[in-house]
Amino acid sequence: MTVRNSKGDEGGPLPGISGPFGTAAVLFEAWADSVKLKLDREEIAAVMPRTSFPAERTVSIIENFPLQIKR
């Protein structure tokens, strides 16, 4: 699979995850293997608005998202 920009140039490797990728699924798997959260658990919880949905649950969802992508 080749992706080209509006000028017709072929896309190159993506910083941090390489490429090219044969399918979108392979791209997402590579992303899931390399993604790093910019904030730690406490920082994420601190910026969460005070709602009935617990911040700790949100942190868990964020941390598990890459694993869900791989599945």
PDB file of N, CA and C in Angstrom:
ATOM      1  N   MET A   1       0.856  -1.170   0.000  1.00  0.00           N
ATOM      2  CA  MET A   1       0.000   0.000   0.000  1.00  0.00           C
ATOM      3  C   MET A   1       0.902   1.232   0.000  1.00  0.00           C
ATOM      4  N   THR A   2       0.695   2.130  -0.925  1.00  0.00           N
ATOM      5  CA  THR A   2       1.474   3.358  -1.007  1.00  0.00           C
ATOM      6  C   THR A   2       0.549   4.544  -0.816  1.00  0.00           C
ATOM      7  N   VAL A   3       0.972   5.445   0.042  1.00  0.00           N
ATOM      8  CA  VAL A   3       0.202   6.660   0.281  1.00  0.00           C
ATOM      9  C   VAL A   3       0.975   7.823  -0.315  1.00  0.00           C
ATOM     10  N   ARG A   4       0.278   8.651  -1.050  1.00  0.00           N
ATOM     11  CA  ARG A   4       0.931   9.802  -1.681  1.00  0.00           C
ATOM     12  C   ARG A   4       0.261  11.088  -1.214  1.00  0.00           C
ATOM     13  N   ASN A   5       1.062  12.136  -1.113  1.00  0.00           N
ATOM     14  CA  ASN A   5       0.502  13.430  -0.744  1.00  0.00           C
ATOM     15  C   ASN A   5      -0.048  14.137  -1.980  1.00  0.00           C
ATOM     16  N   SER A   6      -0.516  15.357  -1.808  1.00  0.00           N
ATOM     17  CA  SER A   6      -1.150  16.081  -2.917  1.00  0.00           C
ATOM     18  C   SER A   6      -0.181  16.367  -4.073  1.00  0.00           C
ATOM     19  N   LYS A   7       1.126  16.339  -3.807  1.00  0.00           N
ATOM     20  CA  LYS A   7       2.121  16.555  -4.857  1.00  0.00           C
ATOM     21  C   LYS A   7       2.521  15.255  -5.554  1.00  0.00           C
ATOM     22  N   GLY A   8       1.978  14.142  -5.072  1.00  0.00           N
ATOM     23  CA  GLY A   8       2.307  12.851  -5.666  1.00  0.00           C
ATOM     24  C   GLY A   8       3.510  12.179  -5.053  1.00  0.00           C
ATOM     25  N   ASP A   9       4.093  12.807  -4.002  1.00  0.00           N
ATOM     26  CA  ASP A   9       5.251  12.213  -3.347  1.00  0.00           C
ATOM     27  C   ASP A   9       4.807  11.079  -2.430  1.00  0.00           C
ATOM     28  N   GLU A  10       5.610  10.028  -2.398  1.00  0.00           N
ATOM     29  CA  GLU A  10       5.312   8.891  -1.539  1.00  0.00           C
ATOM     30  C   GLU A  10       5.637   9.237  -0.090  1.00  0.00           C
ATOM     31  N   GLY A  11       4.785   8.793   0.827  1.00  0.00           N
ATOM     32  CA  GLY A  11       5.014   9.048   2.247  1.00  0.00           C
ATOM     33  C   GLY A  11       6.188   8.232   2.759  1.00  0.00           C
ATOM     34  N   GLY A  12       6.885   8.772   3.736  1.00  0.00           N
ATOM     35  CA  GLY A  12       8.037   8.088   4.298  1.00  0.00           C
ATOM     36  C   GLY A  12       7.720   7.491   5.651  1.00  0.00           C
ATOM     37  N   PRO A  13       8.739   7.000   6.336  1.00  0.00           N
ATOM     38  CA  PRO A  13       8.543   6.420   7.663  1.00  0.00           C
ATOM     39  C   PRO A  13       7.978   7.453   8.643  1.00  0.00           C
ATOM     40  N   LEU A  14       7.157   6.990   9.556  1.00  0.00           N
ATOM     41  CA  LEU A  14       6.602   7.862  10.584  1.00  0.00           C
ATOM     42  C   LEU A  14       7.572   7.933  11.761  1.00  0.00           C
ATOM     43  N   PRO A  15       7.879   9.125  12.236  1.00  0.00           N
ATOM     44  CA  PRO A  15       8.811   9.248  13.358  1.00  0.00           C
ATOM     45  C   PRO A  15       8.349   8.425  14.559  1.00  0.00           C
ATOM     46  N   GLY A  16       9.243   7.623  15.071  1.00  0.00           N
ATOM     47  CA  GLY A  16       8.955   6.845  16.259  1.00  0.00           C
ATOM     48  C   GLY A  16       8.324   5.492  16.029  1.00  0.00           C
ATOM     49  N   ILE A  17       7.738   5.273  14.830  1.00  0.00           N
ATOM     50  CA  ILE A  17       7.119   3.960  14.589  1.00  0.00           C
ATOM     51  C   ILE A  17       7.521   3.337  13.259  1.00  0.00           C
ATOM     52  N   SER A  18       8.318   4.029  12.469  1.00  0.00           N
ATOM     53  CA  SER A  18       8.877   3.489  11.234  1.00  0.00           C
ATOM     54  C   SER A  18       7.870   3.427  10.099  1.00  0.00           C
ATOM     55  N   GLY A  19       7.839   2.335   9.376  1.00  0.00           N
ATOM     56  CA  GLY A  19       6.995   2.200   8.207  1.00  0.00           C
ATOM     57  C   GLY A  19       7.860   2.042   6.976  1.00  0.00           C
ATOM     58  N   PRO A  20       7.308   1.914   5.816  1.00  0.00           N
ATOM     59  CA  PRO A  20       5.877   1.929   5.497  1.00  0.00           C
ATOM     60  C   PRO A  20       5.187   0.667   6.014  1.00  0.00           C
ATOM     61  N   PHE A  21       3.885   0.719   6.044  1.00  0.00           N
ATOM     62  CA  PHE A  21       3.067  -0.362   6.565  1.00  0.00           C
ATOM     63  C   PHE A  21       2.181  -0.905   5.456  1.00  0.00           C
ATOM     64  N   GLY A  22       2.064  -2.219   5.403  1.00  0.00           N
ATOM     65  CA  GLY A  22       1.266  -2.857   4.365  1.00  0.00           C
ATOM     66  C   GLY A  22      -0.222  -2.665   4.544  1.00  0.00           C
ATOM     67  N   THR A  23      -0.657  -2.519   5.793  1.00  0.00           N
ATOM     68  CA  THR A  23      -2.078  -2.330   6.071  1.00  0.00           C
ATOM     69  C   THR A  23      -2.239  -1.351   7.226  1.00  0.00           C
ATOM     70  N   ALA A  24      -3.434  -0.828   7.377  1.00  0.00           N
ATOM     71  CA  ALA A  24      -3.726   0.061   8.499  1.00  0.00           C
ATOM     72  C   ALA A  24      -3.583  -0.686   9.820  1.00  0.00           C
ATOM     73  N   ALA A  25      -3.966  -1.962   9.841  1.00  0.00           N
ATOM     74  CA  ALA A  25      -3.858  -2.756  11.068  1.00  0.00           C
ATOM     75  C   ALA A  25      -2.406  -2.841  11.541  1.00  0.00           C
ATOM     76  N   VAL A  26      -1.472  -3.027  10.630  1.00  0.00           N
ATOM     77  CA  VAL A  26      -0.055  -3.104  10.985  1.00  0.00           C
ATOM     78  C   VAL A  26       0.424  -1.746  11.512  1.00  0.00           C
ATOM     79  N   LEU A  27      -0.039  -0.669  10.914  1.00  0.00           N
ATOM     80  CA  LEU A  27       0.292   0.673  11.398  1.00  0.00           C
ATOM     81  C   LEU A  27      -0.190   0.853  12.838  1.00  0.00           C
ATOM     82  N   PHE A  28      -1.440   0.498  13.114  1.00  0.00           N
ATOM     83  CA  PHE A  28      -1.979   0.671  14.459  1.00  0.00           C
ATOM     84  C   PHE A  28      -1.265  -0.222  15.469  1.00  0.00           C
ATOM     85  N   GLU A  29      -0.878  -1.423  15.078  1.00  0.00           N
ATOM     86  CA  GLU A  29      -0.119  -2.289  15.977  1.00  0.00           C
ATOM     87  C   GLU A  29       1.239  -1.680  16.303  1.00  0.00           C
ATOM     88  N   ALA A  30       1.914  -1.121  15.310  1.00  0.00           N
ATOM     89  CA  ALA A  30       3.205  -0.475  15.541  1.00  0.00           C
ATOM     90  C   ALA A  30       3.040   0.733  16.459  1.00  0.00           C
ATOM     91  N   TRP A  31       1.980   1.507  16.253  1.00  0.00           N
ATOM     92  CA  TRP A  31       1.709   2.650  17.127  1.00  0.00           C
ATOM     93  C   TRP A  31       1.478   2.171  18.556  1.00  0.00           C
ATOM     94  N   ALA A  32       0.671   1.118  18.728  1.00  0.00           N
ATOM     95  CA  ALA A  32       0.359   0.604  20.063  1.00  0.00           C
ATOM     96  C   ALA A  32       1.619   0.122  20.783  1.00  0.00           C
ATOM     97  N   ASP A  33       2.577  -0.404  20.039  1.00  0.00           N
ATOM     98  CA  ASP A  33       3.822  -0.871  20.641  1.00  0.00           C
ATOM     99  C   ASP A  33       4.731   0.273  21.073  1.00  0.00           C
ATOM    100  N   SER A  34       4.562   1.439  20.484  1.00  0.00           N
ATOM    101  CA  SER A  34       5.513   2.526  20.740  1.00  0.00           C
ATOM    102  C   SER A  34       4.942   3.713  21.507  1.00  0.00           C
ATOM    103  N   VAL A  35       3.623   3.793  21.658  1.00  0.00           N
ATOM    104  CA  VAL A  35       3.017   4.969  22.270  1.00  0.00           C
ATOM    105  C   VAL A  35       3.407   5.087  23.741  1.00  0.00           C
ATOM    106  N   LYS A  36       3.692   6.301  24.171  1.00  0.00           N
ATOM    107  CA  LYS A  36       4.006   6.603  25.559  1.00  0.00           C
ATOM    108  C   LYS A  36       3.118   7.758  25.998  1.00  0.00           C
ATOM    109  N   LEU A  37       2.530   7.626  27.183  1.00  0.00           N
ATOM    110  CA  LEU A  37       1.714   8.711  27.715  1.00  0.00           C
ATOM    111  C   LEU A  37       2.602   9.890  28.079  1.00  0.00           C
ATOM    112  N   LYS A  38       2.138  11.104  27.800  1.00  0.00           N
ATOM    113  CA  LYS A  38       2.906  12.305  28.124  1.00  0.00           C
ATOM    114  C   LYS A  38       2.764  12.679  29.592  1.00  0.00           C
ATOM    115  N   LEU A  39       1.668  12.262  30.205  1.00  0.00           N
ATOM    116  CA  LEU A  39       1.426  12.561  31.612  1.00  0.00           C
ATOM    117  C   LEU A  39       1.406  11.259  32.402  1.00  0.00           C
ATOM    118  N   ASP A  40       1.831  11.328  33.669  1.00  0.00           N
ATOM    119  CA  ASP A  40       1.728  10.126  34.490  1.00  0.00           C
ATOM    120  C   ASP A  40       0.329  10.039  35.100  1.00  0.00           C
ATOM    121  N   ARG A  41       0.063   8.964  35.814  1.00  0.00           N
ATOM    122  CA  ARG A  41      -1.276   8.706  36.366  1.00  0.00           C
ATOM    123  C   ARG A  41      -1.778   9.866  37.217  1.00  0.00           C
ATOM    124  N   GLU A  42      -0.909  10.392  38.067  1.00  0.00           N
ATOM    125  CA  GLU A  42      -1.323  11.473  38.967  1.00  0.00           C
ATOM    126  C   GLU A  42      -1.645  12.754  38.197  1.00  0.00           C
ATOM    127  N   GLU A  43      -0.843  13.054  37.179  1.00  0.00           N
ATOM    128  CA  GLU A  43      -1.091  14.258  36.383  1.00  0.00           C
ATOM    129  C   GLU A  43      -2.401  14.150  35.609  1.00  0.00           C
ATOM    130  N   ILE A  44      -2.684  12.971  35.061  1.00  0.00           N
ATOM    131  CA  ILE A  44      -3.937  12.777  34.340  1.00  0.00           C
ATOM    132  C   ILE A  44      -5.117  12.951  35.292  1.00  0.00           C
ATOM    133  N   ALA A  45      -5.025  12.321  36.455  1.00  0.00           N
ATOM    134  CA  ALA A  45      -6.105  12.433  37.441  1.00  0.00           C
ATOM    135  C   ALA A  45      -6.293  13.882  37.886  1.00  0.00           C
ATOM    136  N   ALA A  46      -5.202  14.637  38.004  1.00  0.00           N
ATOM    137  CA  ALA A  46      -5.281  16.027  38.467  1.00  0.00           C
ATOM    138  C   ALA A  46      -5.978  16.938  37.461  1.00  0.00           C
ATOM    139  N   VAL A  47      -5.848  16.662  36.170  1.00  0.00           N
ATOM    140  CA  VAL A  47      -6.469  17.532  35.165  1.00  0.00           C
ATOM    141  C   VAL A  47      -7.889  17.114  34.818  1.00  0.00           C
ATOM    142  N   MET A  48      -8.323  15.986  35.339  1.00  0.00           N
ATOM    143  CA  MET A  48      -9.690  15.529  35.081  1.00  0.00           C
ATOM    144  C   MET A  48     -10.682  16.436  35.806  1.00  0.00           C
ATOM    145  N   PRO A  49     -11.751  16.791  35.128  1.00  0.00           N
ATOM    146  CA  PRO A  49     -12.775  17.576  35.823  1.00  0.00           C
ATOM    147  C   PRO A  49     -13.457  16.716  36.884  1.00  0.00           C
ATOM    148  N   ARG A  50     -13.954  17.351  37.890  1.00  0.00           N
ATOM    149  CA  ARG A  50     -14.665  16.632  38.956  1.00  0.00           C
ATOM    150  C   ARG A  50     -16.043  16.225  38.438  1.00  0.00           C
ATOM    151  N   THR A  51     -16.193  14.953  38.139  1.00  0.00           N
ATOM    152  CA  THR A  51     -17.466  14.425  37.635  1.00  0.00           C
ATOM    153  C   THR A  51     -17.796  13.159  38.405  1.00  0.00           C
ATOM    154  N   SER A  52     -18.900  12.556  38.060  1.00  0.00           N
ATOM    155  CA  SER A  52     -19.277  11.300  38.696  1.00  0.00           C
ATOM    156  C   SER A  52     -18.468  10.127  38.150  1.00  0.00           C
ATOM    157  N   PHE A  53     -17.748  10.330  37.041  1.00  0.00           N
ATOM    158  CA  PHE A  53     -16.908   9.280  36.465  1.00  0.00           C
ATOM    159  C   PHE A  53     -15.527   9.392  37.099  1.00  0.00           C
ATOM    160  N   PRO A  54     -15.061   8.368  37.813  1.00  0.00           N
ATOM    161  CA  PRO A  54     -13.795   8.471  38.550  1.00  0.00           C
ATOM    162  C   PRO A  54     -12.582   8.691  37.641  1.00  0.00           C
ATOM    163  N   ALA A  55     -11.716   9.584  38.048  1.00  0.00           N
ATOM    164  CA  ALA A  55     -10.498   9.866  37.288  1.00  0.00           C
ATOM    165  C   ALA A  55      -9.643   8.612  37.153  1.00  0.00           C
ATOM    166  N   GLU A  56      -9.589   7.798  38.188  1.00  0.00           N
ATOM    167  CA  GLU A  56      -8.780   6.579  38.137  1.00  0.00           C
ATOM    168  C   GLU A  56      -9.274   5.635  37.040  1.00  0.00           C
ATOM    169  N   ARG A  57     -10.569   5.587  36.819  1.00  0.00           N
ATOM    170  CA  ARG A  57     -11.128   4.759  35.738  1.00  0.00           C
ATOM    171  C   ARG A  57     -10.707   5.308  34.381  1.00  0.00           C
ATOM    172  N   THR A  58     -10.724   6.620  34.239  1.00  0.00           N
ATOM    173  CA  THR A  58     -10.287   7.248  32.991  1.00  0.00           C
ATOM    174  C   THR A  58      -8.823   6.937  32.725  1.00  0.00           C
ATOM    175  N   VAL A  59      -7.993   7.032  33.752  1.00  0.00           N
ATOM    176  CA  VAL A  59      -6.563   6.720  33.606  1.00  0.00           C
ATOM    177  C   VAL A  59      -6.397   5.276  33.140  1.00  0.00           C
ATOM    178  N   SER A  60      -7.151   4.362  33.719  1.00  0.00           N
ATOM    179  CA  SER A  60      -7.081   2.957  33.330  1.00  0.00           C
ATOM    180  C   SER A  60      -7.461   2.777  31.862  1.00  0.00           C
ATOM    181  N   ILE A  61      -8.504   3.452  31.423  1.00  0.00           N
ATOM    182  CA  ILE A  61      -8.934   3.369  30.020  1.00  0.00           C
ATOM    183  C   ILE A  61      -7.834   3.886  29.095  1.00  0.00           C
ATOM    184  N   ILE A  62      -7.235   5.016  29.455  1.00  0.00           N
ATOM    185  CA  ILE A  62      -6.164   5.599  28.635  1.00  0.00           C
ATOM    186  C   ILE A  62      -4.979   4.642  28.548  1.00  0.00           C
ATOM    187  N   GLU A  63      -4.584   4.079  29.683  1.00  0.00           N
ATOM    188  CA  GLU A  63      -3.431   3.181  29.701  1.00  0.00           C
ATOM    189  C   GLU A  63      -3.693   1.893  28.919  1.00  0.00           C
ATOM    190  N   ASN A  64      -4.918   1.407  28.917  1.00  0.00           N
ATOM    191  CA  ASN A  64      -5.234   0.151  28.246  1.00  0.00           C
ATOM    192  C   ASN A  64      -5.601   0.313  26.776  1.00  0.00           C
ATOM    193  N   PHE A  65      -5.790   1.530  26.324  1.00  0.00           N
ATOM    194  CA  PHE A  65      -6.189   1.764  24.940  1.00  0.00           C
ATOM    195  C   PHE A  65      -5.244   1.130  23.928  1.00  0.00           C
ATOM    196  N   PRO A  66      -3.908   1.302  24.054  1.00  0.00           N
ATOM    197  CA  PRO A  66      -3.015   0.657  23.069  1.00  0.00           C
ATOM    198  C   PRO A  66      -3.175  -0.862  23.042  1.00  0.00           C
ATOM    199  N   LEU A  67      -3.366  -1.494  24.196  1.00  0.00           N
ATOM    200  CA  LEU A  67      -3.569  -2.945  24.224  1.00  0.00           C
ATOM    201  C   LEU A  67      -4.855  -3.340  23.509  1.00  0.00           C
ATOM    202  N   GLN A  68      -5.890  -2.538  23.669  1.00  0.00           N
ATOM    203  CA  GLN A  68      -7.147  -2.804  22.975  1.00  0.00           C
ATOM    204  C   GLN A  68      -6.988  -2.693  21.469  1.00  0.00           C
ATOM    205  N   ILE A  69      -6.193  -1.722  21.031  1.00  0.00           N
ATOM    206  CA  ILE A  69      -5.921  -1.564  19.593  1.00  0.00           C
ATOM    207  C   ILE A  69      -5.251  -2.817  19.052  1.00  0.00           C
ATOM    208  N   LYS A  70      -4.283  -3.352  19.794  1.00  0.00           N
ATOM    209  CA  LYS A  70      -3.563  -4.544  19.329  1.00  0.00           C
ATOM    210  C   LYS A  70      -4.470  -5.760  19.223  1.00  0.00           C
ATOM    211  N   ARG A  71      -5.458  -5.846  20.101  1.00  0.00           N
ATOM    212  CA  ARG A  71      -6.367  -7.005  20.051  1.00  0.00           C
ATOM    213  C   ARG A  71      -7.266  -6.902  18.842  1.00  0.00           C
TER     214      ARG A  71
END
